[in-house]
N, C-alpha and C. Protein backbone atom coordinates (compact mmCIF):
# COMPACT_ATOMS: atom_id res chain seq x y z
N UNK A 1 19.31 -11.01 13.26
CA UNK A 1 18.84 -10.14 12.20
C UNK A 1 18.71 -8.73 12.76
N UNK A 2 19.34 -7.77 12.10
CA UNK A 2 19.17 -6.38 12.55
C UNK A 2 17.71 -5.96 12.47
N UNK A 3 17.30 -5.10 13.40
CA UNK A 3 15.91 -4.69 13.47
C UNK A 3 15.42 -4.07 12.16
N UNK A 4 16.28 -3.35 11.48
CA UNK A 4 15.90 -2.73 10.20
C UNK A 4 15.46 -3.81 9.19
N UNK A 5 16.10 -4.96 9.25
CA UNK A 5 15.77 -6.04 8.31
C UNK A 5 14.36 -6.59 8.53
N UNK A 6 13.88 -6.50 9.76
CA UNK A 6 12.52 -6.96 10.04
C UNK A 6 11.53 -6.12 9.25
N UNK A 7 11.76 -4.80 9.27
CA UNK A 7 10.88 -3.91 8.51
C UNK A 7 11.03 -4.14 7.01
N UNK A 8 12.25 -4.36 6.55
CA UNK A 8 12.48 -4.65 5.13
C UNK A 8 11.75 -5.93 4.71
N UNK A 9 11.80 -6.94 5.57
CA UNK A 9 11.09 -8.18 5.30
C UNK A 9 9.59 -7.93 5.24
N UNK A 10 9.09 -7.16 6.18
CA UNK A 10 7.67 -6.82 6.19
C UNK A 10 7.27 -6.11 4.89
N UNK A 11 8.08 -5.13 4.48
CA UNK A 11 7.78 -4.39 3.25
C UNK A 11 7.77 -5.32 2.02
N UNK A 12 8.72 -6.22 1.96
CA UNK A 12 8.78 -7.17 0.85
C UNK A 12 7.54 -8.05 0.84
N UNK A 13 7.15 -8.54 2.00
CA UNK A 13 5.96 -9.40 2.08
C UNK A 13 4.70 -8.62 1.74
N UNK A 14 4.65 -7.36 2.15
CA UNK A 14 3.50 -6.51 1.83
C UNK A 14 3.44 -6.24 0.33
N UNK A 15 4.58 -5.92 -0.26
CA UNK A 15 4.66 -5.65 -1.71
C UNK A 15 4.24 -6.87 -2.52
N UNK A 16 4.64 -8.07 -2.05
CA UNK A 16 4.33 -9.31 -2.76
C UNK A 16 2.96 -9.88 -2.39
N UNK A 17 2.21 -9.15 -1.56
CA UNK A 17 0.88 -9.59 -1.12
C UNK A 17 0.91 -10.97 -0.48
N UNK A 18 1.89 -11.19 0.38
CA UNK A 18 2.04 -12.48 1.04
C UNK A 18 0.91 -12.69 2.05
N UNK A 19 0.19 -13.78 1.88
CA UNK A 19 -0.90 -14.13 2.79
C UNK A 19 -0.39 -14.97 3.96
N UNK A 20 0.59 -15.82 3.69
CA UNK A 20 1.14 -16.70 4.71
C UNK A 20 2.56 -17.07 4.31
N UNK A 21 3.43 -17.12 5.30
CA UNK A 21 4.81 -17.51 5.06
C UNK A 21 5.26 -18.39 6.22
N UNK A 22 5.97 -19.46 5.90
CA UNK A 22 6.48 -20.36 6.93
C UNK A 22 7.84 -20.88 6.53
N UNK A 23 8.76 -20.95 7.49
CA UNK A 23 10.05 -21.58 7.30
C UNK A 23 10.31 -22.44 8.52
N UNK A 24 10.55 -23.71 8.31
CA UNK A 24 10.82 -24.59 9.42
C UNK A 24 10.58 -26.04 9.04
N UNK A 25 10.46 -26.86 10.05
CA UNK A 25 10.25 -28.29 9.84
C UNK A 25 8.76 -28.55 9.62
N UNK A 26 8.44 -29.27 8.56
CA UNK A 26 7.05 -29.55 8.21
C UNK A 26 6.59 -30.82 8.93
N UNK A 27 5.57 -30.67 9.76
CA UNK A 27 5.00 -31.79 10.51
C UNK A 27 3.53 -31.95 10.13
N UNK A 28 2.93 -33.04 10.54
CA UNK A 28 1.51 -33.24 10.25
C UNK A 28 0.65 -32.19 10.95
N UNK A 29 1.05 -31.78 12.16
CA UNK A 29 0.32 -30.73 12.87
C UNK A 29 0.39 -29.41 12.10
N UNK A 30 1.56 -29.12 11.54
CA UNK A 30 1.72 -27.90 10.76
C UNK A 30 0.80 -27.93 9.54
N UNK A 31 0.75 -29.08 8.86
CA UNK A 31 -0.12 -29.20 7.68
C UNK A 31 -1.55 -28.81 8.04
N UNK A 32 -2.05 -29.38 9.12
CA UNK A 32 -3.42 -29.09 9.55
C UNK A 32 -3.61 -27.61 9.86
N UNK A 33 -2.65 -27.03 10.58
CA UNK A 33 -2.76 -25.61 10.96
C UNK A 33 -2.73 -24.69 9.75
N UNK A 34 -1.79 -24.92 8.83
CA UNK A 34 -1.68 -24.08 7.64
C UNK A 34 -2.96 -24.18 6.81
N UNK A 35 -3.46 -25.39 6.63
CA UNK A 35 -4.67 -25.57 5.83
C UNK A 35 -5.87 -24.88 6.48
N UNK A 36 -5.95 -24.96 7.80
CA UNK A 36 -7.05 -24.30 8.51
C UNK A 36 -6.95 -22.78 8.36
N UNK A 37 -5.75 -22.23 8.53
CA UNK A 37 -5.54 -20.79 8.39
C UNK A 37 -5.89 -20.33 6.97
N UNK A 38 -5.39 -21.06 5.98
CA UNK A 38 -5.62 -20.65 4.59
C UNK A 38 -7.07 -20.81 4.17
N UNK A 39 -7.74 -21.81 4.69
CA UNK A 39 -9.16 -21.97 4.39
C UNK A 39 -9.93 -20.74 4.88
N UNK A 40 -9.59 -20.28 6.07
CA UNK A 40 -10.23 -19.10 6.64
C UNK A 40 -9.88 -17.85 5.83
N UNK A 41 -8.59 -17.67 5.52
CA UNK A 41 -8.17 -16.48 4.76
C UNK A 41 -8.80 -16.45 3.38
N UNK A 42 -8.81 -17.59 2.70
CA UNK A 42 -9.41 -17.65 1.37
C UNK A 42 -10.90 -17.33 1.42
N UNK A 43 -11.55 -17.77 2.49
CA UNK A 43 -12.97 -17.47 2.66
C UNK A 43 -13.24 -15.98 2.76
N UNK A 44 -12.26 -15.22 3.26
CA UNK A 44 -12.43 -13.77 3.40
C UNK A 44 -12.03 -12.99 2.16
N UNK A 45 -11.04 -13.47 1.40
CA UNK A 45 -10.51 -12.66 0.30
C UNK A 45 -10.94 -13.13 -1.09
N UNK A 46 -11.44 -14.35 -1.21
CA UNK A 46 -11.77 -14.87 -2.54
C UNK A 46 -13.26 -15.18 -2.64
N UNK A 47 -13.93 -14.51 -3.58
CA UNK A 47 -15.37 -14.70 -3.75
C UNK A 47 -15.70 -15.97 -4.52
N UNK A 48 -14.84 -16.35 -5.44
CA UNK A 48 -15.11 -17.51 -6.29
C UNK A 48 -14.83 -18.82 -5.55
N UNK A 49 -15.87 -19.62 -5.39
CA UNK A 49 -15.71 -20.93 -4.74
C UNK A 49 -14.75 -21.81 -5.53
N UNK A 50 -14.85 -21.76 -6.85
CA UNK A 50 -13.99 -22.56 -7.72
C UNK A 50 -12.52 -22.21 -7.50
N UNK A 51 -12.21 -20.92 -7.45
CA UNK A 51 -10.83 -20.49 -7.23
C UNK A 51 -10.35 -20.89 -5.85
N UNK A 52 -11.20 -20.71 -4.83
CA UNK A 52 -10.83 -21.12 -3.47
C UNK A 52 -10.46 -22.59 -3.44
N UNK A 53 -11.26 -23.43 -4.09
CA UNK A 53 -10.99 -24.87 -4.11
C UNK A 53 -9.69 -25.19 -4.84
N UNK A 54 -9.45 -24.51 -5.97
CA UNK A 54 -8.21 -24.75 -6.71
C UNK A 54 -6.99 -24.39 -5.87
N UNK A 55 -7.03 -23.21 -5.25
CA UNK A 55 -5.89 -22.78 -4.42
C UNK A 55 -5.70 -23.75 -3.26
N UNK A 56 -6.77 -24.11 -2.59
CA UNK A 56 -6.70 -25.02 -1.45
C UNK A 56 -6.14 -26.38 -1.88
N UNK A 57 -6.62 -26.92 -2.99
CA UNK A 57 -6.15 -28.23 -3.46
C UNK A 57 -4.68 -28.21 -3.85
N UNK A 58 -4.25 -27.14 -4.53
CA UNK A 58 -2.83 -27.01 -4.88
C UNK A 58 -2.00 -26.91 -3.60
N UNK A 59 -2.48 -26.14 -2.64
CA UNK A 59 -1.77 -25.99 -1.37
C UNK A 59 -1.64 -27.34 -0.66
N UNK A 60 -2.69 -28.13 -0.64
CA UNK A 60 -2.64 -29.47 -0.02
C UNK A 60 -1.53 -30.29 -0.66
N UNK A 61 -1.50 -30.33 -1.99
CA UNK A 61 -0.48 -31.12 -2.69
C UNK A 61 0.93 -30.60 -2.42
N UNK A 62 1.10 -29.29 -2.42
CA UNK A 62 2.42 -28.71 -2.15
C UNK A 62 2.89 -29.03 -0.74
N UNK A 63 1.98 -28.93 0.23
CA UNK A 63 2.33 -29.26 1.61
C UNK A 63 2.67 -30.74 1.76
N UNK A 64 1.92 -31.59 1.10
CA UNK A 64 2.22 -33.02 1.16
C UNK A 64 3.58 -33.31 0.55
N UNK A 65 3.92 -32.62 -0.55
CA UNK A 65 5.25 -32.80 -1.14
C UNK A 65 6.34 -32.39 -0.16
N UNK A 66 6.14 -31.26 0.53
CA UNK A 66 7.13 -30.84 1.52
C UNK A 66 7.24 -31.86 2.65
N UNK A 67 6.10 -32.35 3.10
CA UNK A 67 6.07 -33.30 4.22
C UNK A 67 6.75 -34.61 3.85
N UNK A 68 6.48 -35.13 2.66
CA UNK A 68 6.99 -36.44 2.27
C UNK A 68 8.39 -36.40 1.66
N UNK A 69 8.77 -35.29 1.03
CA UNK A 69 9.98 -35.32 0.21
C UNK A 69 11.09 -34.38 0.66
N UNK A 70 10.91 -33.65 1.74
CA UNK A 70 11.99 -32.79 2.22
C UNK A 70 13.12 -33.67 2.75
N UNK A 71 14.31 -33.48 2.22
CA UNK A 71 15.46 -34.29 2.64
C UNK A 71 16.08 -33.72 3.91
N UNK A 72 16.50 -34.61 4.76
CA UNK A 72 17.29 -34.18 5.91
C UNK A 72 18.75 -34.21 5.48
N UNK A 73 19.35 -33.04 5.42
CA UNK A 73 20.75 -32.94 5.01
C UNK A 73 21.60 -33.35 6.20
N UNK A 74 22.50 -34.29 5.98
CA UNK A 74 23.36 -34.76 7.06
C UNK A 74 24.26 -33.62 7.54
N UNK A 75 24.36 -33.50 8.85
CA UNK A 75 25.12 -32.40 9.46
C UNK A 75 26.54 -32.28 8.90
N UNK A 76 27.20 -33.42 8.65
CA UNK A 76 28.58 -33.37 8.17
C UNK A 76 28.68 -32.82 6.75
N UNK A 77 27.53 -32.72 6.05
CA UNK A 77 27.53 -32.19 4.69
C UNK A 77 27.25 -30.70 4.62
N UNK A 78 27.08 -30.07 5.77
CA UNK A 78 26.80 -28.64 5.81
C UNK A 78 27.91 -27.91 6.54
N UNK A 79 28.11 -26.65 6.21
CA UNK A 79 29.02 -25.88 7.04
C UNK A 79 28.25 -25.51 8.30
N UNK A 80 28.94 -25.17 9.39
CA UNK A 80 28.26 -24.95 10.68
C UNK A 80 27.13 -23.92 10.63
N UNK A 81 27.22 -22.92 9.77
CA UNK A 81 26.17 -21.90 9.72
C UNK A 81 24.86 -22.45 9.15
N UNK A 82 24.90 -23.59 8.48
CA UNK A 82 23.70 -24.16 7.87
C UNK A 82 23.07 -25.27 8.70
N UNK A 83 23.71 -25.73 9.75
CA UNK A 83 23.25 -26.93 10.44
C UNK A 83 21.82 -26.81 10.99
N UNK A 84 21.41 -25.62 11.41
CA UNK A 84 20.06 -25.46 11.93
C UNK A 84 19.00 -25.60 10.85
N UNK A 85 19.40 -25.45 9.61
CA UNK A 85 18.44 -25.43 8.51
C UNK A 85 18.34 -26.76 7.79
N UNK A 86 18.98 -27.78 8.30
CA UNK A 86 19.12 -29.02 7.55
C UNK A 86 17.80 -29.73 7.25
N UNK A 87 16.76 -29.49 8.03
CA UNK A 87 15.46 -30.13 7.78
C UNK A 87 14.38 -29.10 7.44
N UNK A 88 14.80 -27.87 7.28
CA UNK A 88 13.83 -26.80 7.05
C UNK A 88 13.27 -26.81 5.64
N UNK A 89 12.06 -26.34 5.54
CA UNK A 89 11.42 -26.12 4.25
C UNK A 89 10.80 -24.72 4.29
N UNK A 90 10.41 -24.25 3.12
CA UNK A 90 9.84 -22.91 3.00
C UNK A 90 8.51 -23.01 2.28
N UNK A 91 7.54 -22.23 2.74
CA UNK A 91 6.23 -22.15 2.10
C UNK A 91 5.77 -20.70 2.13
N UNK A 92 5.31 -20.20 0.98
CA UNK A 92 4.75 -18.85 0.90
C UNK A 92 3.53 -18.89 0.00
N UNK A 93 2.48 -18.21 0.42
CA UNK A 93 1.28 -18.09 -0.39
C UNK A 93 1.00 -16.60 -0.56
N UNK A 94 0.79 -16.18 -1.79
CA UNK A 94 0.51 -14.77 -2.05
C UNK A 94 -0.64 -14.64 -3.04
N UNK A 95 -1.26 -13.46 -3.02
CA UNK A 95 -2.38 -13.18 -3.93
C UNK A 95 -2.06 -11.90 -4.69
N UNK A 96 -2.06 -12.01 -6.00
CA UNK A 96 -1.92 -10.85 -6.86
C UNK A 96 -3.28 -10.55 -7.48
N UNK A 97 -3.36 -9.54 -8.31
CA UNK A 97 -4.65 -9.17 -8.90
C UNK A 97 -5.26 -10.31 -9.71
N UNK A 98 -4.43 -10.99 -10.49
CA UNK A 98 -4.94 -11.97 -11.44
C UNK A 98 -4.73 -13.42 -11.03
N UNK A 99 -3.93 -13.67 -10.02
CA UNK A 99 -3.62 -15.05 -9.67
C UNK A 99 -3.09 -15.16 -8.25
N UNK A 100 -3.10 -16.39 -7.75
CA UNK A 100 -2.46 -16.74 -6.49
C UNK A 100 -1.14 -17.42 -6.82
N UNK A 101 -0.20 -17.40 -5.87
CA UNK A 101 1.05 -18.14 -6.02
C UNK A 101 1.30 -18.95 -4.76
N UNK A 102 1.70 -20.19 -4.95
CA UNK A 102 2.17 -21.02 -3.85
C UNK A 102 3.63 -21.32 -4.16
N UNK A 103 4.52 -20.90 -3.26
CA UNK A 103 5.95 -21.10 -3.45
C UNK A 103 6.45 -22.02 -2.36
N UNK A 104 7.25 -23.00 -2.75
CA UNK A 104 7.85 -23.90 -1.77
C UNK A 104 9.33 -24.03 -2.04
N UNK A 105 10.05 -24.40 -1.00
CA UNK A 105 11.48 -24.68 -1.13
C UNK A 105 11.86 -25.75 -0.14
N UNK A 106 12.68 -26.71 -0.61
CA UNK A 106 13.14 -27.77 0.29
C UNK A 106 14.43 -28.39 -0.25
N UNK A 107 15.16 -29.02 0.65
CA UNK A 107 16.40 -29.69 0.28
C UNK A 107 16.10 -30.99 -0.46
N UNK A 108 16.98 -31.32 -1.41
CA UNK A 108 16.84 -32.56 -2.16
C UNK A 108 18.23 -33.03 -2.57
N UNK A 109 18.44 -34.35 -2.54
CA UNK A 109 19.70 -34.89 -3.03
C UNK A 109 19.80 -34.59 -4.52
N UNK A 110 21.00 -34.24 -4.98
CA UNK A 110 21.16 -33.84 -6.37
C UNK A 110 20.71 -34.91 -7.35
N UNK A 111 20.99 -36.18 -7.05
CA UNK A 111 20.56 -37.25 -7.96
C UNK A 111 19.04 -37.33 -8.04
N UNK A 112 18.36 -37.19 -6.91
CA UNK A 112 16.90 -37.18 -6.92
C UNK A 112 16.38 -35.94 -7.64
N UNK A 113 17.12 -34.84 -7.51
CA UNK A 113 16.74 -33.61 -8.19
C UNK A 113 16.75 -33.76 -9.70
N UNK A 114 17.71 -34.51 -10.22
CA UNK A 114 17.77 -34.74 -11.68
C UNK A 114 16.54 -35.50 -12.16
N UNK A 115 16.13 -36.49 -11.38
CA UNK A 115 14.93 -37.28 -11.72
C UNK A 115 13.69 -36.39 -11.65
N UNK A 116 13.62 -35.59 -10.58
CA UNK A 116 12.47 -34.69 -10.40
C UNK A 116 12.39 -33.67 -11.54
N UNK A 117 13.53 -33.15 -11.94
CA UNK A 117 13.54 -32.17 -13.03
C UNK A 117 13.01 -32.77 -14.33
N UNK A 118 13.40 -34.00 -14.62
CA UNK A 118 12.89 -34.66 -15.82
C UNK A 118 11.38 -34.86 -15.74
N UNK A 119 10.90 -35.21 -14.55
CA UNK A 119 9.46 -35.40 -14.36
C UNK A 119 8.72 -34.08 -14.59
N UNK A 120 9.24 -32.99 -14.02
CA UNK A 120 8.59 -31.69 -14.19
C UNK A 120 8.62 -31.26 -15.66
N UNK A 121 9.74 -31.47 -16.31
CA UNK A 121 9.83 -31.11 -17.74
C UNK A 121 8.79 -31.87 -18.55
N UNK A 122 8.62 -33.16 -18.26
CA UNK A 122 7.63 -33.93 -19.03
C UNK A 122 6.21 -33.49 -18.69
N UNK A 123 5.94 -33.12 -17.45
CA UNK A 123 4.62 -32.61 -17.07
C UNK A 123 4.36 -31.28 -17.78
N UNK A 124 5.37 -30.40 -17.81
CA UNK A 124 5.20 -29.08 -18.42
C UNK A 124 4.97 -29.13 -19.93
N UNK A 125 5.31 -30.24 -20.56
CA UNK A 125 5.11 -30.38 -22.02
C UNK A 125 3.67 -30.73 -22.36
N UNK A 126 2.90 -31.17 -21.37
CA UNK A 126 1.56 -31.70 -21.64
C UNK A 126 0.48 -30.62 -21.62
N UNK A 127 -0.54 -30.83 -22.44
CA UNK A 127 -1.70 -29.95 -22.40
C UNK A 127 -2.70 -30.50 -21.37
N UNK A 128 -3.82 -29.81 -21.23
CA UNK A 128 -4.81 -30.17 -20.21
C UNK A 128 -5.29 -31.62 -20.36
N UNK A 129 -5.63 -32.02 -21.57
CA UNK A 129 -6.13 -33.37 -21.82
C UNK A 129 -5.05 -34.42 -21.54
N UNK A 130 -3.82 -34.14 -21.97
CA UNK A 130 -2.72 -35.08 -21.75
C UNK A 130 -2.41 -35.23 -20.27
N UNK A 131 -2.52 -34.12 -19.52
CA UNK A 131 -2.32 -34.20 -18.06
C UNK A 131 -3.38 -35.09 -17.43
N UNK A 132 -4.62 -34.94 -17.87
CA UNK A 132 -5.71 -35.77 -17.35
C UNK A 132 -5.43 -37.25 -17.62
N UNK A 133 -4.98 -37.55 -18.83
CA UNK A 133 -4.68 -38.94 -19.19
C UNK A 133 -3.50 -39.48 -18.38
N UNK A 134 -2.47 -38.66 -18.20
CA UNK A 134 -1.32 -39.09 -17.41
C UNK A 134 -1.74 -39.36 -15.96
N UNK A 135 -2.57 -38.49 -15.41
CA UNK A 135 -3.06 -38.65 -14.05
C UNK A 135 -3.80 -39.98 -13.90
N UNK A 136 -4.71 -40.25 -14.83
CA UNK A 136 -5.47 -41.51 -14.78
C UNK A 136 -4.56 -42.72 -14.92
N UNK A 137 -3.57 -42.62 -15.80
CA UNK A 137 -2.64 -43.72 -16.01
C UNK A 137 -1.84 -44.02 -14.74
N UNK A 138 -1.31 -42.97 -14.12
CA UNK A 138 -0.53 -43.17 -12.88
C UNK A 138 -1.44 -43.68 -11.77
N UNK A 139 -2.65 -43.14 -11.71
CA UNK A 139 -3.61 -43.57 -10.69
C UNK A 139 -3.94 -45.06 -10.83
N UNK A 140 -4.12 -45.51 -12.06
CA UNK A 140 -4.50 -46.90 -12.31
C UNK A 140 -3.32 -47.87 -12.33
N UNK A 141 -2.14 -47.41 -12.73
CA UNK A 141 -1.02 -48.32 -12.93
C UNK A 141 0.22 -47.98 -12.11
N UNK A 142 0.18 -46.87 -11.38
CA UNK A 142 1.35 -46.46 -10.61
C UNK A 142 1.58 -47.35 -9.40
N UNK A 143 2.81 -47.38 -8.95
CA UNK A 143 3.15 -48.13 -7.74
C UNK A 143 3.54 -47.14 -6.66
N UNK A 144 3.34 -47.53 -5.43
CA UNK A 144 3.68 -46.65 -4.31
C UNK A 144 5.19 -46.66 -4.07
N UNK A 145 5.71 -45.47 -3.77
CA UNK A 145 7.12 -45.36 -3.42
C UNK A 145 7.31 -45.81 -1.98
N UNK A 146 8.56 -45.83 -1.53
CA UNK A 146 8.83 -46.21 -0.14
C UNK A 146 8.29 -45.16 0.84
N UNK A 147 7.90 -44.00 0.35
CA UNK A 147 7.31 -42.96 1.19
C UNK A 147 5.79 -42.99 1.13
N UNK A 148 5.24 -43.97 0.41
CA UNK A 148 3.79 -44.12 0.34
C UNK A 148 3.11 -43.21 -0.66
N UNK A 149 3.87 -42.66 -1.60
CA UNK A 149 3.29 -41.78 -2.60
C UNK A 149 3.37 -42.45 -3.97
N UNK A 150 2.45 -42.05 -4.85
CA UNK A 150 2.39 -42.67 -6.18
C UNK A 150 2.88 -41.75 -7.29
N UNK A 151 3.32 -40.54 -6.93
CA UNK A 151 3.81 -39.61 -7.94
C UNK A 151 2.73 -38.79 -8.61
N UNK A 152 1.58 -38.69 -7.99
CA UNK A 152 0.47 -37.94 -8.57
C UNK A 152 0.51 -36.45 -8.22
N UNK A 153 1.23 -36.09 -7.17
CA UNK A 153 1.20 -34.72 -6.65
C UNK A 153 1.49 -33.65 -7.67
N UNK A 154 2.63 -33.73 -8.36
CA UNK A 154 2.99 -32.70 -9.33
C UNK A 154 2.05 -32.67 -10.52
N UNK A 155 1.59 -33.85 -10.93
CA UNK A 155 0.63 -33.92 -12.03
C UNK A 155 -0.66 -33.20 -11.61
N UNK A 156 -1.11 -33.47 -10.40
CA UNK A 156 -2.33 -32.86 -9.89
C UNK A 156 -2.17 -31.35 -9.73
N UNK A 157 -1.01 -30.92 -9.27
CA UNK A 157 -0.74 -29.49 -9.13
C UNK A 157 -0.84 -28.80 -10.49
N UNK A 158 -0.22 -29.39 -11.51
CA UNK A 158 -0.27 -28.81 -12.85
C UNK A 158 -1.70 -28.79 -13.38
N UNK A 159 -2.44 -29.86 -13.14
CA UNK A 159 -3.84 -29.93 -13.60
C UNK A 159 -4.69 -28.86 -12.95
N UNK A 160 -4.59 -28.75 -11.62
CA UNK A 160 -5.46 -27.84 -10.89
C UNK A 160 -5.07 -26.38 -11.04
N UNK A 161 -3.79 -26.12 -11.22
CA UNK A 161 -3.35 -24.73 -11.36
C UNK A 161 -3.64 -24.20 -12.76
N UNK A 162 -3.62 -25.09 -13.75
CA UNK A 162 -3.82 -24.67 -15.13
C UNK A 162 -2.61 -23.98 -15.72
N UNK A 163 -1.46 -24.06 -15.05
CA UNK A 163 -0.24 -23.40 -15.51
C UNK A 163 0.94 -24.35 -15.47
N UNK A 164 1.99 -23.96 -16.17
CA UNK A 164 3.25 -24.71 -16.13
C UNK A 164 3.88 -24.51 -14.76
N UNK A 165 4.61 -25.51 -14.30
CA UNK A 165 5.30 -25.44 -13.01
C UNK A 165 6.62 -24.70 -13.20
N UNK A 166 6.84 -23.66 -12.41
CA UNK A 166 8.10 -22.93 -12.44
C UNK A 166 8.98 -23.53 -11.34
N UNK A 167 10.26 -23.76 -11.64
CA UNK A 167 11.11 -24.42 -10.66
C UNK A 167 12.58 -24.06 -10.88
N UNK A 168 13.37 -24.32 -9.86
CA UNK A 168 14.83 -24.24 -9.98
C UNK A 168 15.45 -25.11 -8.90
N UNK A 169 16.69 -25.51 -9.16
CA UNK A 169 17.47 -26.27 -8.20
C UNK A 169 18.73 -25.46 -7.91
N UNK A 170 18.86 -24.99 -6.68
CA UNK A 170 20.01 -24.18 -6.30
C UNK A 170 21.01 -25.05 -5.54
N UNK A 171 22.25 -25.16 -6.03
CA UNK A 171 23.23 -26.03 -5.37
C UNK A 171 23.53 -25.54 -3.95
N UNK A 172 23.55 -26.49 -3.01
CA UNK A 172 23.91 -26.19 -1.62
C UNK A 172 25.34 -26.65 -1.37
N UNK A 173 25.65 -27.85 -1.85
CA UNK A 173 27.00 -28.43 -1.76
C UNK A 173 27.11 -29.52 -2.82
N UNK A 174 28.08 -30.41 -2.70
CA UNK A 174 28.27 -31.45 -3.72
C UNK A 174 27.14 -32.46 -3.78
N UNK A 175 26.41 -32.64 -2.68
CA UNK A 175 25.38 -33.69 -2.62
C UNK A 175 23.94 -33.19 -2.67
N UNK A 176 23.72 -31.93 -2.26
CA UNK A 176 22.35 -31.44 -2.10
C UNK A 176 22.10 -30.16 -2.87
N UNK A 177 20.84 -29.99 -3.24
CA UNK A 177 20.34 -28.75 -3.83
C UNK A 177 19.14 -28.30 -3.03
N UNK A 178 18.77 -27.04 -3.22
CA UNK A 178 17.54 -26.52 -2.64
C UNK A 178 16.56 -26.37 -3.80
N UNK A 179 15.47 -27.14 -3.74
CA UNK A 179 14.47 -27.16 -4.81
C UNK A 179 13.43 -26.08 -4.56
N UNK A 180 13.25 -25.20 -5.53
CA UNK A 180 12.26 -24.12 -5.44
C UNK A 180 11.15 -24.38 -6.45
N UNK A 181 9.92 -24.29 -6.01
CA UNK A 181 8.76 -24.50 -6.88
C UNK A 181 7.83 -23.31 -6.73
N UNK A 182 7.36 -22.78 -7.85
CA UNK A 182 6.38 -21.70 -7.84
C UNK A 182 5.19 -22.14 -8.69
N UNK A 183 4.02 -22.12 -8.07
CA UNK A 183 2.80 -22.53 -8.76
C UNK A 183 1.86 -21.33 -8.82
N UNK A 184 1.49 -20.95 -10.04
CA UNK A 184 0.53 -19.87 -10.24
C UNK A 184 -0.84 -20.48 -10.48
N UNK A 185 -1.84 -19.93 -9.79
CA UNK A 185 -3.20 -20.43 -9.90
C UNK A 185 -4.10 -19.28 -10.34
N UNK A 186 -4.70 -19.39 -11.52
CA UNK A 186 -5.58 -18.34 -12.04
C UNK A 186 -6.98 -18.55 -11.52
């Protein structure tokens, strides 16, 4: 990266009020470190305990999603310039005047992406009460996936953020997409 780009990146992060940014492989140690850093930062910048808890809880769910659901793209499915990024994920947390944003990005198989998109669309159609009912239903009747999750994460994110989930799937190749999620927390 040319040195000028470092300053451009800094300016972009400053303009967007980025509190924390990470790109790399998500591990359990990373989860602990990010949560510890953000707990401290939120304690300094956010007066409302309720808002701090909402941001922290959404962040926990987003990090768990990255940890459990980031796909490892097979090397033969990437061009050589992408091979280093095959297990990488992206996380950014920013604070604006009226809200916080948690942004994530990770690789996903296109077929799984189609299922995920339908799930997000159905979550985004629900109001606060319907989200609560869906959460209870999945909690009481859901089954665990092979990754040990019950599918509550996105429902919980929507409930705690109080906003619709913004998302996109950017094609990487014939088999994989890069899933982008933006969660606004008021």
